[in-house]
Amino acid sequence: RAQTTFCALCGPPIMYRFVFQELLRRGIPQERIFMSLERMMK
């Protein structure tokens, strides 16, 4: 449900691209999509 759904993503960057496309197609607002972008940190 676009107005009540929040999404949290964790996975490889290539997966994000396809998940974003599908979530946006289903009307999920960008503000309700969260992702982990952990990179190798020193």
Full PDB file with SEQRES, HELIX, SHEET, SSBOND, CRYST1, ORIGX, SCALE, CONECT and MASTER records, all heavy atoms in Angstrom:
SEQRES   1 A   42  ARG ALA GLN THR THR PHE CYS ALA LEU CYS GLY PRO PRO          
SEQRES   2 A   42  ILE MET TYR ARG PHE VAL PHE GLN GLU LEU LEU ARG ARG          
SEQRES   3 A   42  GLY ILE PRO GLN GLU ARG ILE PHE MET SER LEU GLU ARG          
SEQRES   4 A   42  MET MET LYS                                                  
HELIX    1 AA1 PRO A   13  ARG A   25  1                                  13    
HELIX    2 AA2 GLN A   30  ARG A   32  5                                   3    
SHEET    1 AA1 2 CYS A   7  LEU A   9  0                                        
SHEET    2 AA1 2 ILE A  33  MET A  35  1                                        
CRYST1    1.000    1.000    1.000  90.00  90.00  90.00 P 1           1          
ORIGX1      1.000000  0.000000  0.000000        0.00000                         
ORIGX2      0.000000  1.000000  0.000000        0.00000                         
ORIGX3      0.000000  0.000000  1.000000        0.00000                         
SCALE1      1.000000  0.000000  0.000000        0.00000                         
SCALE2      0.000000  1.000000  0.000000        0.00000                         
SCALE3      0.000000  0.000000  1.000000        0.00000                         
ATOM      1  N   ARG A   1       0.862  -1.175   0.000  1.00  0.00           N  
ATOM      2  CA  ARG A   1       0.000   0.000   0.000  1.00  0.00           C  
ATOM      3  C   ARG A   1       0.901   1.227   0.000  1.00  0.00           C  
ATOM      4  O   ARG A   1       1.626   1.488   0.964  1.00  0.00           O  
ATOM      5  CB  ARG A   1      -0.928  -0.033   1.206  1.00  0.00           C  
ATOM      6  CG  ARG A   1      -1.948  -1.171   1.106  1.00  0.00           C  
ATOM      7  CD  ARG A   1      -2.832  -1.284   2.328  1.00  0.00           C  
ATOM      8  NE  ARG A   1      -2.119  -1.646   3.550  1.00  0.00           N  
ATOM      9  CZ  ARG A   1      -1.749  -2.888   3.874  1.00  0.00           C  
ATOM     10  NH1 ARG A   1      -2.026  -3.884   3.054  1.00  0.00           N  
ATOM     11  NH2 ARG A   1      -1.122  -3.126   5.007  1.00  0.00           N  
ATOM     12  N   ALA A   2       0.868   1.961  -1.081  1.00  0.00           N  
ATOM     13  CA  ALA A   2       1.826   3.040  -1.321  1.00  0.00           C  
ATOM     14  C   ALA A   2       1.926   4.048  -0.180  1.00  0.00           C  
ATOM     15  O   ALA A   2       3.017   4.516   0.137  1.00  0.00           O  
ATOM     16  CB  ALA A   2       1.496   3.757  -2.629  1.00  0.00           C  
ATOM     17  N   GLN A   3       0.846   4.388   0.451  1.00  0.00           N  
ATOM     18  CA  GLN A   3       0.877   5.435   1.470  1.00  0.00           C  
ATOM     19  C   GLN A   3       1.223   4.941   2.869  1.00  0.00           C  
ATOM     20  O   GLN A   3       1.415   5.750   3.777  1.00  0.00           O  
ATOM     21  CB  GLN A   3      -0.447   6.197   1.484  1.00  0.00           C  
ATOM     22  CG  GLN A   3      -0.713   6.921   0.182  1.00  0.00           C  
ATOM     23  CD  GLN A   3       0.484   7.771  -0.292  1.00  0.00           C  
ATOM     24  OE1 GLN A   3       1.060   8.527   0.474  1.00  0.00           O  
ATOM     25  NE2 GLN A   3       0.847   7.610  -1.546  1.00  0.00           N  
ATOM     26  N   THR A   4       1.303   3.615   3.065  1.00  0.00           N  
ATOM     27  CA  THR A   4       1.628   3.101   4.393  1.00  0.00           C  
ATOM     28  C   THR A   4       2.844   2.178   4.407  1.00  0.00           C  
ATOM     29  O   THR A   4       3.284   1.773   5.473  1.00  0.00           O  
ATOM     30  CB  THR A   4       0.433   2.337   4.989  1.00  0.00           C  
ATOM     31  OG1 THR A   4       0.087   1.260   4.110  1.00  0.00           O  
ATOM     32  CG2 THR A   4      -0.754   3.256   5.187  1.00  0.00           C  
ATOM     33  N   THR A   5       3.375   1.854   3.249  1.00  0.00           N  
ATOM     34  CA  THR A   5       4.488   0.919   3.168  1.00  0.00           C  
ATOM     35  C   THR A   5       5.819   1.637   3.278  1.00  0.00           C  
ATOM     36  O   THR A   5       6.040   2.652   2.620  1.00  0.00           O  
ATOM     37  CB  THR A   5       4.437   0.133   1.840  1.00  0.00           C  
ATOM     38  OG1 THR A   5       3.238  -0.657   1.824  1.00  0.00           O  
ATOM     39  CG2 THR A   5       5.631  -0.774   1.667  1.00  0.00           C  
ATOM     40  N   PHE A   6       6.703   1.098   4.109  1.00  0.00           N  
ATOM     41  CA  PHE A   6       8.099   1.509   4.181  1.00  0.00           C  
ATOM     42  C   PHE A   6       8.935   0.325   3.736  1.00  0.00           C  
ATOM     43  O   PHE A   6       8.592  -0.821   4.028  1.00  0.00           O  
ATOM     44  CB  PHE A   6       8.501   1.881   5.615  1.00  0.00           C  
ATOM     45  CG  PHE A   6       7.982   3.215   6.051  1.00  0.00           C  
ATOM     46  CD1 PHE A   6       6.697   3.353   6.526  1.00  0.00           C  
ATOM     47  CD2 PHE A   6       8.796   4.330   5.988  1.00  0.00           C  
ATOM     48  CE1 PHE A   6       6.215   4.576   6.938  1.00  0.00           C  
ATOM     49  CE2 PHE A   6       8.326   5.567   6.401  1.00  0.00           C  
ATOM     50  CZ  PHE A   6       7.033   5.694   6.881  1.00  0.00           C  
ATOM     51  N   CYS A   7      10.025   0.576   3.040  1.00  0.00           N  
ATOM     52  CA  CYS A   7      10.883  -0.492   2.545  1.00  0.00           C  
ATOM     53  C   CYS A   7      12.315  -0.269   3.013  1.00  0.00           C  
ATOM     54  O   CYS A   7      12.817   0.849   2.950  1.00  0.00           O  
ATOM     55  CB  CYS A   7      10.864  -0.533   1.022  1.00  0.00           C  
ATOM     56  SG  CYS A   7       9.215  -0.796   0.363  1.00  0.00           S  
ATOM     57  N   ALA A   8      12.944  -1.327   3.471  1.00  0.00           N  
ATOM     58  CA  ALA A   8      14.347  -1.285   3.885  1.00  0.00           C  
ATOM     59  C   ALA A   8      15.094  -2.326   3.068  1.00  0.00           C  
ATOM     60  O   ALA A   8      14.702  -3.496   3.046  1.00  0.00           O  
ATOM     61  CB  ALA A   8      14.478  -1.580   5.372  1.00  0.00           C  
ATOM     62  N   LEU A   9      16.147  -1.901   2.392  1.00  0.00           N  
ATOM     63  CA  LEU A   9      16.903  -2.777   1.510  1.00  0.00           C  
ATOM     64  C   LEU A   9      18.316  -2.977   2.010  1.00  0.00           C  
ATOM     65  O   LEU A   9      18.960  -2.033   2.469  1.00  0.00           O  
ATOM     66  CB  LEU A   9      16.995  -2.185   0.103  1.00  0.00           C  
ATOM     67  CG  LEU A   9      15.702  -1.737  -0.549  1.00  0.00           C  
ATOM     68  CD1 LEU A   9      15.980  -1.065  -1.875  1.00  0.00           C  
ATOM     69  CD2 LEU A   9      14.786  -2.910  -0.726  1.00  0.00           C  
ATOM     70  N   CYS A  10      18.781  -4.186   1.869  1.00  0.00           N  
ATOM     71  CA  CYS A  10      20.173  -4.507   2.172  1.00  0.00           C  
ATOM     72  C   CYS A  10      20.578  -5.594   1.202  1.00  0.00           C  
ATOM     73  O   CYS A  10      19.927  -6.636   1.118  1.00  0.00           O  
ATOM     74  CB  CYS A  10      20.306  -4.990   3.610  1.00  0.00           C  
ATOM     75  SG  CYS A  10      22.000  -5.342   4.079  1.00  0.00           S  
ATOM     76  N   GLY A  11      21.610  -5.341   0.431  1.00  0.00           N  
ATOM     77  CA  GLY A  11      22.042  -6.322  -0.550  1.00  0.00           C  
ATOM     78  C   GLY A  11      23.007  -5.710  -1.533  1.00  0.00           C  
ATOM     79  O   GLY A  11      23.460  -4.578  -1.352  1.00  0.00           O  
ATOM     80  N   PRO A  12      23.288  -6.433  -2.587  1.00  0.00           N  
ATOM     81  CA  PRO A  12      24.233  -5.928  -3.573  1.00  0.00           C  
ATOM     82  C   PRO A  12      23.639  -4.760  -4.369  1.00  0.00           C  
ATOM     83  O   PRO A  12      22.421  -4.730  -4.621  1.00  0.00           O  
ATOM     84  CB  PRO A  12      24.492  -7.131  -4.474  1.00  0.00           C  
ATOM     85  CG  PRO A  12      23.296  -8.004  -4.307  1.00  0.00           C  
ATOM     86  CD  PRO A  12      22.791  -7.769  -2.913  1.00  0.00           C  
ATOM     87  N   PRO A  13      24.465  -3.809  -4.751  1.00  0.00           N  
ATOM     88  CA  PRO A  13      23.975  -2.628  -5.487  1.00  0.00           C  
ATOM     89  C   PRO A  13      23.160  -2.953  -6.738  1.00  0.00           C  
ATOM     90  O   PRO A  13      22.177  -2.272  -7.014  1.00  0.00           O  
ATOM     91  CB  PRO A  13      25.254  -1.874  -5.842  1.00  0.00           C  
ATOM     92  CG  PRO A  13      26.214  -2.255  -4.764  1.00  0.00           C  
ATOM     93  CD  PRO A  13      25.890  -3.695  -4.448  1.00  0.00           C  
ATOM     94  N   ILE A  14      23.502  -3.999  -7.466  1.00  0.00           N  
ATOM     95  CA  ILE A  14      22.753  -4.321  -8.684  1.00  0.00           C  
ATOM     96  C   ILE A  14      21.304  -4.677  -8.341  1.00  0.00           C  
ATOM     97  O   ILE A  14      20.386  -4.376  -9.089  1.00  0.00           O  
ATOM     98  CB  ILE A  14      23.435  -5.446  -9.495  1.00  0.00           C  
ATOM     99  CG1 ILE A  14      22.772  -5.619 -10.855  1.00  0.00           C  
ATOM    100  CG2 ILE A  14      23.433  -6.756  -8.728  1.00  0.00           C  
ATOM    101  CD1 ILE A  14      22.921  -4.460 -11.788  1.00  0.00           C  
ATOM    102  N   MET A  15      21.088  -5.283  -7.196  1.00  0.00           N  
ATOM    103  CA  MET A  15      19.731  -5.616  -6.772  1.00  0.00           C  
ATOM    104  C   MET A  15      18.916  -4.350  -6.540  1.00  0.00           C  
ATOM    105  O   MET A  15      17.741  -4.284  -6.887  1.00  0.00           O  
ATOM    106  CB  MET A  15      19.772  -6.445  -5.487  1.00  0.00           C  
ATOM    107  CG  MET A  15      18.400  -6.793  -4.940  1.00  0.00           C  
ATOM    108  SD  MET A  15      18.423  -7.337  -3.222  1.00  0.00           S  
ATOM    109  CE  MET A  15      18.581  -5.782  -2.363  1.00  0.00           C  
ATOM    110  N   TYR A  16      19.550  -3.334  -5.954  1.00  0.00           N  
ATOM    111  CA  TYR A  16      18.845  -2.098  -5.648  1.00  0.00           C  
ATOM    112  C   TYR A  16      18.194  -1.505  -6.886  1.00  0.00           C  
ATOM    113  O   TYR A  16      17.071  -1.033  -6.843  1.00  0.00           O  
ATOM    114  CB  TYR A  16      19.793  -1.064  -5.045  1.00  0.00           C  
ATOM    115  CG  TYR A  16      20.230  -1.349  -3.625  1.00  0.00           C  
ATOM    116  CD1 TYR A  16      21.139  -0.522  -3.001  1.00  0.00           C  
ATOM    117  CD2 TYR A  16      19.748  -2.428  -2.912  1.00  0.00           C  
ATOM    118  CE1 TYR A  16      21.554  -0.753  -1.699  1.00  0.00           C  
ATOM    119  CE2 TYR A  16      20.151  -2.669  -1.610  1.00  0.00           C  
ATOM    120  CZ  TYR A  16      21.053  -1.829  -1.013  1.00  0.00           C  
ATOM    121  OH  TYR A  16      21.444  -2.059   0.271  1.00  0.00           O  
ATOM    122  N   ARG A  17      18.901  -1.488  -7.977  1.00  0.00           N  
ATOM    123  CA  ARG A  17      18.379  -0.871  -9.199  1.00  0.00           C  
ATOM    124  C   ARG A  17      17.031  -1.468  -9.587  1.00  0.00           C  
ATOM    125  O   ARG A  17      16.078  -0.755  -9.892  1.00  0.00           O  
ATOM    126  CB  ARG A  17      19.390  -1.030 -10.334  1.00  0.00           C  
ATOM    127  CG  ARG A  17      18.911  -0.403 -11.629  1.00  0.00           C  
ATOM    128  CD  ARG A  17      20.002  -0.347 -12.664  1.00  0.00           C  
ATOM    129  NE  ARG A  17      21.057   0.539 -12.169  1.00  0.00           N  
ATOM    130  CZ  ARG A  17      22.355   0.297 -12.311  1.00  0.00           C  
ATOM    131  NH1 ARG A  17      22.759  -0.771 -12.941  1.00  0.00           N  
ATOM    132  NH2 ARG A  17      23.243   1.133 -11.849  1.00  0.00           N  
ATOM    133  N   PHE A  18      16.925  -2.782  -9.549  1.00  0.00           N  
ATOM    134  CA  PHE A  18      15.682  -3.447  -9.948  1.00  0.00           C  
ATOM    135  C   PHE A  18      14.589  -3.294  -8.897  1.00  0.00           C  
ATOM    136  O   PHE A  18      13.417  -3.138  -9.221  1.00  0.00           O  
ATOM    137  CB  PHE A  18      15.953  -4.918 -10.263  1.00  0.00           C  
ATOM    138  CG  PHE A  18      16.849  -5.087 -11.446  1.00  0.00           C  
ATOM    139  CD1 PHE A  18      18.191  -5.407 -11.286  1.00  0.00           C  
ATOM    140  CD2 PHE A  18      16.368  -4.884 -12.727  1.00  0.00           C  
ATOM    141  CE1 PHE A  18      19.028  -5.534 -12.377  1.00  0.00           C  
ATOM    142  CE2 PHE A  18      17.191  -5.009 -13.831  1.00  0.00           C  
ATOM    143  CZ  PHE A  18      18.533  -5.340 -13.656  1.00  0.00           C  
ATOM    144  N   VAL A  19      14.978  -3.310  -7.633  1.00  0.00           N  
ATOM    145  CA  VAL A  19      13.998  -3.136  -6.558  1.00  0.00           C  
ATOM    146  C   VAL A  19      13.433  -1.717  -6.594  1.00  0.00           C  
ATOM    147  O   VAL A  19      12.229  -1.517  -6.455  1.00  0.00           O  
ATOM    148  CB  VAL A  19      14.615  -3.469  -5.186  1.00  0.00           C  
ATOM    149  CG1 VAL A  19      13.663  -3.093  -4.062  1.00  0.00           C  
ATOM    150  CG2 VAL A  19      14.960  -4.952  -5.108  1.00  0.00           C  
ATOM    151  N   PHE A  20      14.289  -0.714  -6.788  1.00  0.00           N  
ATOM    152  CA  PHE A  20      13.802   0.672  -6.886  1.00  0.00           C  
ATOM    153  C   PHE A  20      12.792   0.806  -8.008  1.00  0.00           C  
ATOM    154  O   PHE A  20      11.741   1.409  -7.835  1.00  0.00           O  
ATOM    155  CB  PHE A  20      14.942   1.656  -7.140  1.00  0.00           C  
ATOM    156  CG  PHE A  20      15.914   1.782  -6.008  1.00  0.00           C  
ATOM    157  CD1 PHE A  20      17.241   2.011  -6.259  1.00  0.00           C  
ATOM    158  CD2 PHE A  20      15.500   1.680  -4.696  1.00  0.00           C  
ATOM    159  CE1 PHE A  20      18.145   2.134  -5.225  1.00  0.00           C  
ATOM    160  CE2 PHE A  20      16.390   1.804  -3.651  1.00  0.00           C  
ATOM    161  CZ  PHE A  20      17.729   2.030  -3.919  1.00  0.00           C  
ATOM    162  N   GLN A  21      13.104   0.258  -9.169  1.00  0.00           N  
ATOM    163  CA  GLN A  21      12.194   0.346 -10.310  1.00  0.00           C  
ATOM    164  C   GLN A  21      10.828  -0.225  -9.954  1.00  0.00           C  
ATOM    165  O   GLN A  21       9.795   0.369 -10.250  1.00  0.00           O  
ATOM    166  CB  GLN A  21      12.769  -0.403 -11.518  1.00  0.00           C  
ATOM    167  CG  GLN A  21      13.940   0.274 -12.163  1.00  0.00           C  
ATOM    168  CD  GLN A  21      14.568  -0.590 -13.256  1.00  0.00           C  
ATOM    169  OE1 GLN A  21      14.131  -1.702 -13.537  1.00  0.00           O  
ATOM    170  NE2 GLN A  21      15.615  -0.069 -13.867  1.00  0.00           N  
ATOM    171  N   GLU A  22      10.825  -1.381  -9.302  1.00  0.00           N  
ATOM    172  CA  GLU A  22       9.557  -2.035  -8.963  1.00  0.00           C  
ATOM    173  C   GLU A  22       8.806  -1.271  -7.881  1.00  0.00           C  
ATOM    174  O   GLU A  22       7.588  -1.093  -7.969  1.00  0.00           O  
ATOM    175  CB  GLU A  22       9.818  -3.477  -8.521  1.00  0.00           C  
ATOM    176  CG  GLU A  22       8.576  -4.279  -8.284  1.00  0.00           C  
ATOM    177  CD  GLU A  22       7.740  -4.503  -9.532  1.00  0.00           C  
ATOM    178  OE1 GLU A  22       8.250  -4.389 -10.658  1.00  0.00           O  
ATOM    179  OE2 GLU A  22       6.533  -4.796  -9.367  1.00  0.00           O  
ATOM    180  N   LEU A  23       9.508  -0.801  -6.866  1.00  0.00           N  
ATOM    181  CA  LEU A  23       8.839  -0.048  -5.803  1.00  0.00           C  
ATOM    182  C   LEU A  23       8.236   1.246  -6.332  1.00  0.00           C  
ATOM    183  O   LEU A  23       7.097   1.588  -6.008  1.00  0.00           O  
ATOM    184  CB  LEU A  23       9.813   0.253  -4.663  1.00  0.00           C  
ATOM    185  CG  LEU A  23      10.280  -0.944  -3.846  1.00  0.00           C  
ATOM    186  CD1 LEU A  23      11.354  -0.517  -2.860  1.00  0.00           C  
ATOM    187  CD2 LEU A  23       9.116  -1.614  -3.138  1.00  0.00           C  
ATOM    188  N   LEU A  24       8.985   1.970  -7.141  1.00  0.00           N  
ATOM    189  CA  LEU A  24       8.475   3.223  -7.705  1.00  0.00           C  
ATOM    190  C   LEU A  24       7.303   2.958  -8.644  1.00  0.00           C  
ATOM    191  O   LEU A  24       6.329   3.706  -8.660  1.00  0.00           O  
ATOM    192  CB  LEU A  24       9.601   3.973  -8.404  1.00  0.00           C  
ATOM    193  CG  LEU A  24      10.736   4.433  -7.483  1.00  0.00           C  
ATOM    194  CD1 LEU A  24      11.882   5.025  -8.310  1.00  0.00           C  
ATOM    195  CD2 LEU A  24      10.260   5.407  -6.433  1.00  0.00           C  
ATOM    196  N   ARG A  25       7.375   1.879  -9.412  1.00  0.00           N  
ATOM    197  CA  ARG A  25       6.277   1.501 -10.316  1.00  0.00           C  
ATOM    198  C   ARG A  25       5.000   1.234  -9.521  1.00  0.00           C  
ATOM    199  O   ARG A  25       3.896   1.529  -9.962  1.00  0.00           O  
ATOM    200  CB  ARG A  25       6.668   0.268 -11.129  1.00  0.00           C  
ATOM    201  CG  ARG A  25       5.648  -0.111 -12.197  1.00  0.00           C  
ATOM    202  CD  ARG A  25       6.053  -1.361 -12.943  1.00  0.00           C  
ATOM    203  NE  ARG A  25       5.869  -2.573 -12.175  1.00  0.00           N  
ATOM    204  CZ  ARG A  25       4.703  -3.152 -11.907  1.00  0.00           C  
ATOM    205  NH1 ARG A  25       3.592  -2.621 -12.335  1.00  0.00           N  
ATOM    206  NH2 ARG A  25       4.641  -4.268 -11.215  1.00  0.00           N  
ATOM    207  N   ARG A  26       5.158   0.707  -8.319  1.00  0.00           N  
ATOM    208  CA  ARG A  26       4.009   0.409  -7.469  1.00  0.00           C  
ATOM    209  C   ARG A  26       3.570   1.602  -6.631  1.00  0.00           C  
ATOM    210  O   ARG A  26       2.696   1.477  -5.784  1.00  0.00           O  
ATOM    211  CB  ARG A  26       4.318  -0.784  -6.575  1.00  0.00           C  
ATOM    212  CG  ARG A  26       4.417  -2.071  -7.383  1.00  0.00           C  
ATOM    213  CD  ARG A  26       4.864  -3.217  -6.501  1.00  0.00           C  
ATOM    214  NE  ARG A  26       4.887  -4.440  -7.258  1.00  0.00           N  
ATOM    215  CZ  ARG A  26       3.919  -5.361  -7.232  1.00  0.00           C  
ATOM    216  NH1 ARG A  26       2.869  -5.179  -6.473  1.00  0.00           N  
ATOM    217  NH2 ARG A  26       4.019  -6.446  -7.955  1.00  0.00           N  
ATOM    218  N   GLY A  27       4.199   2.755  -6.824  1.00  0.00           N  
ATOM    219  CA  GLY A  27       3.763   3.982  -6.173  1.00  0.00           C  
ATOM    220  C   GLY A  27       4.339   4.240  -4.794  1.00  0.00           C  
ATOM    221  O   GLY A  27       3.875   5.134  -4.087  1.00  0.00           O  
ATOM    222  N   ILE A  28       5.338   3.476  -4.384  1.00  0.00           N  
ATOM    223  CA  ILE A  28       5.955   3.715  -3.072  1.00  0.00           C  
ATOM    224  C   ILE A  28       6.752   5.017  -3.168  1.00  0.00           C  
ATOM    225  O   ILE A  28       7.611   5.164  -4.021  1.00  0.00           O  
ATOM    226  CB  ILE A  28       6.897   2.557  -2.663  1.00  0.00           C  
ATOM    227  CG1 ILE A  28       6.160   1.212  -2.709  1.00  0.00           C  
ATOM    228  CG2 ILE A  28       7.505   2.823  -1.288  1.00  0.00           C  
ATOM    229  CD1 ILE A  28       4.990   1.084  -1.784  1.00  0.00           C  
ATOM    230  N   PRO A  29       6.492   5.982  -2.291  1.00  0.00           N  
ATOM    231  CA  PRO A  29       7.231   7.254  -2.340  1.00  0.00           C  
ATOM    232  C   PRO A  29       8.715   7.051  -2.026  1.00  0.00           C  
ATOM    233  O   PRO A  29       9.084   6.228  -1.186  1.00  0.00           O  
ATOM    234  CB  PRO A  29       6.575   8.096  -1.243  1.00  0.00           C  
ATOM    235  CG  PRO A  29       5.249   7.458  -0.977  1.00  0.00           C  
ATOM    236  CD  PRO A  29       5.439   5.998  -1.270  1.00  0.00           C  
ATOM    237  N   GLN A  30       9.559   7.816  -2.705  1.00  0.00           N  
ATOM    238  CA  GLN A  30      11.003   7.721  -2.491  1.00  0.00           C  
ATOM    239  C   GLN A  30      11.372   7.933  -1.028  1.00  0.00           C  
ATOM    240  O   GLN A  30      12.341   7.358  -0.547  1.00  0.00           O  
ATOM    241  CB  GLN A  30      11.740   8.749  -3.346  1.00  0.00           C  
ATOM    242  CG  GLN A  30      11.709   8.460  -4.817  1.00  0.00           C  
ATOM    243  CD  GLN A  30      12.550   9.455  -5.601  1.00  0.00           C  
ATOM    244  OE1 GLN A  30      13.174  10.351  -5.050  1.00  0.00           O  
ATOM    245  NE2 GLN A  30      12.558   9.287  -6.907  1.00  0.00           N  
ATOM    246  N   GLU A  31      10.621   8.749  -0.324  1.00  0.00           N  
ATOM    247  CA  GLU A  31      10.916   9.047   1.078  1.00  0.00           C  
ATOM    248  C   GLU A  31      10.683   7.846   1.989  1.00  0.00           C  
ATOM    249  O   GLU A  31      11.090   7.857   3.143  1.00  0.00           O  
ATOM    250  CB  GLU A  31      10.050  10.213   1.584  1.00  0.00           C  
ATOM    251  CG  GLU A  31      10.277  11.505   0.854  1.00  0.00           C  
ATOM    252  CD  GLU A  31       9.573  11.554  -0.512  1.00  0.00           C  
ATOM    253  OE1 GLU A  31       8.524  10.886  -0.694  1.00  0.00           O  
ATOM    254  OE2 GLU A  31      10.103  12.229  -1.398  1.00  0.00           O  
ATOM    255  N   ARG A  32      10.007   6.814   1.495  1.00  0.00           N  
ATOM    256  CA  ARG A  32       9.697   5.640   2.315  1.00  0.00           C  
ATOM    257  C   ARG A  32      10.587   4.447   1.964  1.00  0.00           C  
ATOM    258  O   ARG A  32      10.330   3.328   2.393  1.00  0.00           O  
ATOM    259  CB  ARG A  32       8.233   5.256   2.147  1.00  0.00           C  
ATOM    260  CG  ARG A  32       7.297   6.292   2.750  1.00  0.00           C  
ATOM    261  CD  ARG A  32       5.854   5.886   2.517  1.00  0.00           C  
ATOM    262  NE  ARG A  32       4.959   6.825   3.156  1.00  0.00           N  
ATOM    263  CZ  ARG A  32       4.413   6.618   4.338  1.00  0.00           C  
ATOM    264  NH1 ARG A  32       4.669   5.533   5.013  1.00  0.00           N  
ATOM    265  NH2 ARG A  32       3.609   7.522   4.856  1.00  0.00           N  
ATOM    266  N   ILE A  33      11.615   4.692   1.160  1.00  0.00           N  
ATOM    267  CA  ILE A  33      12.542   3.633   0.776  1.00  0.00           C  
ATOM    268  C   ILE A  33      13.893   3.935   1.422  1.00  0.00           C  
ATOM    269  O   ILE A  33      14.467   5.002   1.201  1.00  0.00           O  
ATOM    270  CB  ILE A  33      12.693   3.542  -0.750  1.00  0.00           C  
ATOM    271  CG1 ILE A  33      11.328   3.321  -1.424  1.00  0.00           C  
ATOM    272  CG2 ILE A  33      13.673   2.432  -1.119  1.00  0.00           C  
ATOM    273  CD1 ILE A  33      11.356   3.450  -2.934  1.00  0.00           C  
ATOM    274  N   PHE A  34      14.382   3.002   2.208  1.00  0.00           N  
ATOM    275  CA  PHE A  34      15.662   3.150   2.887  1.00  0.00           C  
ATOM    276  C   PHE A  34      16.596   2.040   2.432  1.00  0.00           C  
ATOM    277  O   PHE A  34      16.161   0.924   2.176  1.00  0.00           O  
ATOM    278  CB  PHE A  34      15.477   3.069   4.408  1.00  0.00           C  
ATOM    279  CG  PHE A  34      14.662   4.194   4.953  1.00  0.00           C  
ATOM    280  CD1 PHE A  34      13.281   4.135   4.955  1.00  0.00           C  
ATOM    281  CD2 PHE A  34      15.279   5.326   5.448  1.00  0.00           C  
ATOM    282  CE1 PHE A  34      12.521   5.181   5.451  1.00  0.00           C  
ATOM    283  CE2 PHE A  34      14.528   6.378   5.946  1.00  0.00           C  
ATOM    284  CZ  PHE A  34      13.142   6.303   5.946  1.00  0.00           C  
ATOM    285  N   MET A  35      17.880   2.356   2.348  1.00  0.00           N  
ATOM    286  CA  MET A  35      18.846   1.362   1.906  1.00  0.00           C  
ATOM    287  C   MET A  35      20.143   1.486   2.670  1.00  0.00           C  
ATOM    288  O   MET A  35      20.512   2.573   3.117  1.00  0.00           O  
ATOM    289  CB  MET A  35      19.118   1.506   0.426  1.00  0.00           C  
ATOM    290  CG  MET A  35      19.933   2.744   0.106  1.00  0.00           C  
ATOM    291  SD  MET A  35      19.859   3.182  -1.593  1.00  0.00           S  
ATOM    292  CE  MET A  35      18.426   4.207  -1.530  1.00  0.00           C  
ATOM    293  N   SER A  36      20.803   0.382   2.812  1.00  0.00           N  
ATOM    294  CA  SER A  36      22.126   0.362   3.425  1.00  0.00           C  
ATOM    295  C   SER A  36      23.153   0.445   2.304  1.00  0.00           C  
ATOM    296  O   SER A  36      23.130  -0.355   1.375  1.00  0.00           O  
ATOM    297  CB  SER A  36      22.322  -0.927   4.217  1.00  0.00           C  
ATOM    298  OG  SER A  36      23.644  -0.993   4.704  1.00  0.00           O  
ATOM    299  N   LEU A  37      24.036   1.425   2.400  1.00  0.00           N  
ATOM    300  CA  LEU A  37      25.096   1.585   1.398  1.00  0.00           C  
ATOM    301  C   LEU A  37      26.464   1.419   2.048  1.00  0.00           C  
ATOM    302  O   LEU A  37      27.364   2.227   1.861  1.00  0.00           O  
ATOM    303  CB  LEU A  37      25.001   2.965   0.729  1.00  0.00           C  
ATOM    304  CG  LEU A  37      23.811   3.171  -0.172  1.00  0.00           C  
ATOM    305  CD1 LEU A  37      23.849   4.556  -0.791  1.00  0.00           C  
ATOM    306  CD2 LEU A  37      23.764   2.115  -1.270  1.00  0.00           C  
ATOM    307  N   GLU A  38      26.599   0.380   2.808  1.00  0.00           N  
ATOM    308  CA  GLU A  38      27.883   0.143   3.457  1.00  0.00           C  
ATOM    309  C   GLU A  38      28.958  -0.063   2.403  1.00  0.00           C  
ATOM    310  O   GLU A  38      28.796  -0.814   1.473  1.00  0.00           O  
ATOM    311  CB  GLU A  38      27.794  -1.082   4.352  1.00  0.00           C  
ATOM    312  CG  GLU A  38      26.879  -0.865   5.528  1.00  0.00           C  
ATOM    313  CD  GLU A  38      26.825  -2.064   6.436  1.00  0.00           C  
ATOM    314  OE1 GLU A  38      27.889  -2.554   6.832  1.00  0.00           O  
ATOM    315  OE2 GLU A  38      25.705  -2.489   6.724  1.00  0.00           O  
ATOM    316  N   ARG A  39      30.006   0.623   2.561  1.00  0.00           N  
ATOM    317  CA  ARG A  39      31.175   0.464   1.705  1.00  0.00           C  
ATOM    318  C   ARG A  39      32.347   0.107   2.605  1.00  0.00           C  
ATOM    319  O   ARG A  39      32.302   0.267   3.824  1.00  0.00           O  
ATOM    320  CB  ARG A  39      31.491   1.759   0.954  1.00  0.00           C  
ATOM    321  CG  ARG A  39      30.398   2.213   0.019  1.00  0.00           C  
ATOM    322  CD  ARG A  39      30.313   1.278  -1.186  1.00  0.00           C  
ATOM    323  NE  ARG A  39      29.618   1.893  -2.286  1.00  0.00           N  
ATOM    324  CZ  ARG A  39      28.365   1.679  -2.608  1.00  0.00           C  
ATOM    325  NH1 ARG A  39      27.629   0.899  -1.890  1.00  0.00           N  
ATOM    326  NH2 ARG A  39      27.823   2.254  -3.648  1.00  0.00           N  
ATOM    327  N   MET A  40      33.384  -0.363   2.025  1.00  0.00           N  
ATOM    328  CA  MET A  40      34.565  -0.701   2.812  1.00  0.00           C  
ATOM    329  C   MET A  40      35.074   0.563   3.505  1.00  0.00           C  
ATOM    330  O   MET A  40      35.490   1.509   2.864  1.00  0.00           O  
ATOM    331  CB  MET A  40      35.636  -1.265   1.891  1.00  0.00           C  
ATOM    332  CG  MET A  40      36.622  -2.075   2.594  1.00  0.00           C  
ATOM    333  SD  MET A  40      36.940  -3.490   1.566  1.00  0.00           S  
ATOM    334  CE  MET A  40      38.489  -3.933   2.246  1.00  0.00           C  
ATOM    335  N   MET A  41      34.981   0.566   4.790  1.00  0.00           N  
ATOM    336  CA  MET A  41      35.365   1.740   5.563  1.00  0.00           C  
ATOM    337  C   MET A  41      36.688   1.481   6.268  1.00  0.00           C  
ATOM    338  O   MET A  41      36.941   0.383   6.733  1.00  0.00           O  
ATOM    339  CB  MET A  41      34.284   2.074   6.583  1.00  0.00           C  
ATOM    340  CG  MET A  41      32.981   2.498   5.958  1.00  0.00           C  
ATOM    341  SD  MET A  41      31.771   2.937   7.209  1.00  0.00           S  
ATOM    342  CE  MET A  41      30.448   1.828   6.774  1.00  0.00           C  
ATOM    343  N   LYS A  42      37.496   2.521   6.326  1.00  0.00           N  
ATOM    344  CA  LYS A  42      38.771   2.403   7.035  1.00  0.00           C  
ATOM    345  C   LYS A  42      38.757   3.227   8.310  1.00  0.00           C  
ATOM    346  O   LYS A  42      38.815   2.692   9.395  1.00  0.00           O  
ATOM    347  CB  LYS A  42      39.922   2.831   6.133  1.00  0.00           C  
ATOM    348  CG  LYS A  42      40.207   1.836   5.034  1.00  0.00           C  
ATOM    349  CD  LYS A  42      41.471   2.193   4.297  1.00  0.00           C  
ATOM    350  CE  LYS A  42      41.751   1.135   3.244  1.00  0.00           C  
ATOM    351  NZ  LYS A  42      43.012   1.342   2.587  1.00  0.00           N  
TER     352      LYS A  42                                                      
MASTER        0    0    0    2    2    0    0    6  351    1    0    4          
END                                                                             
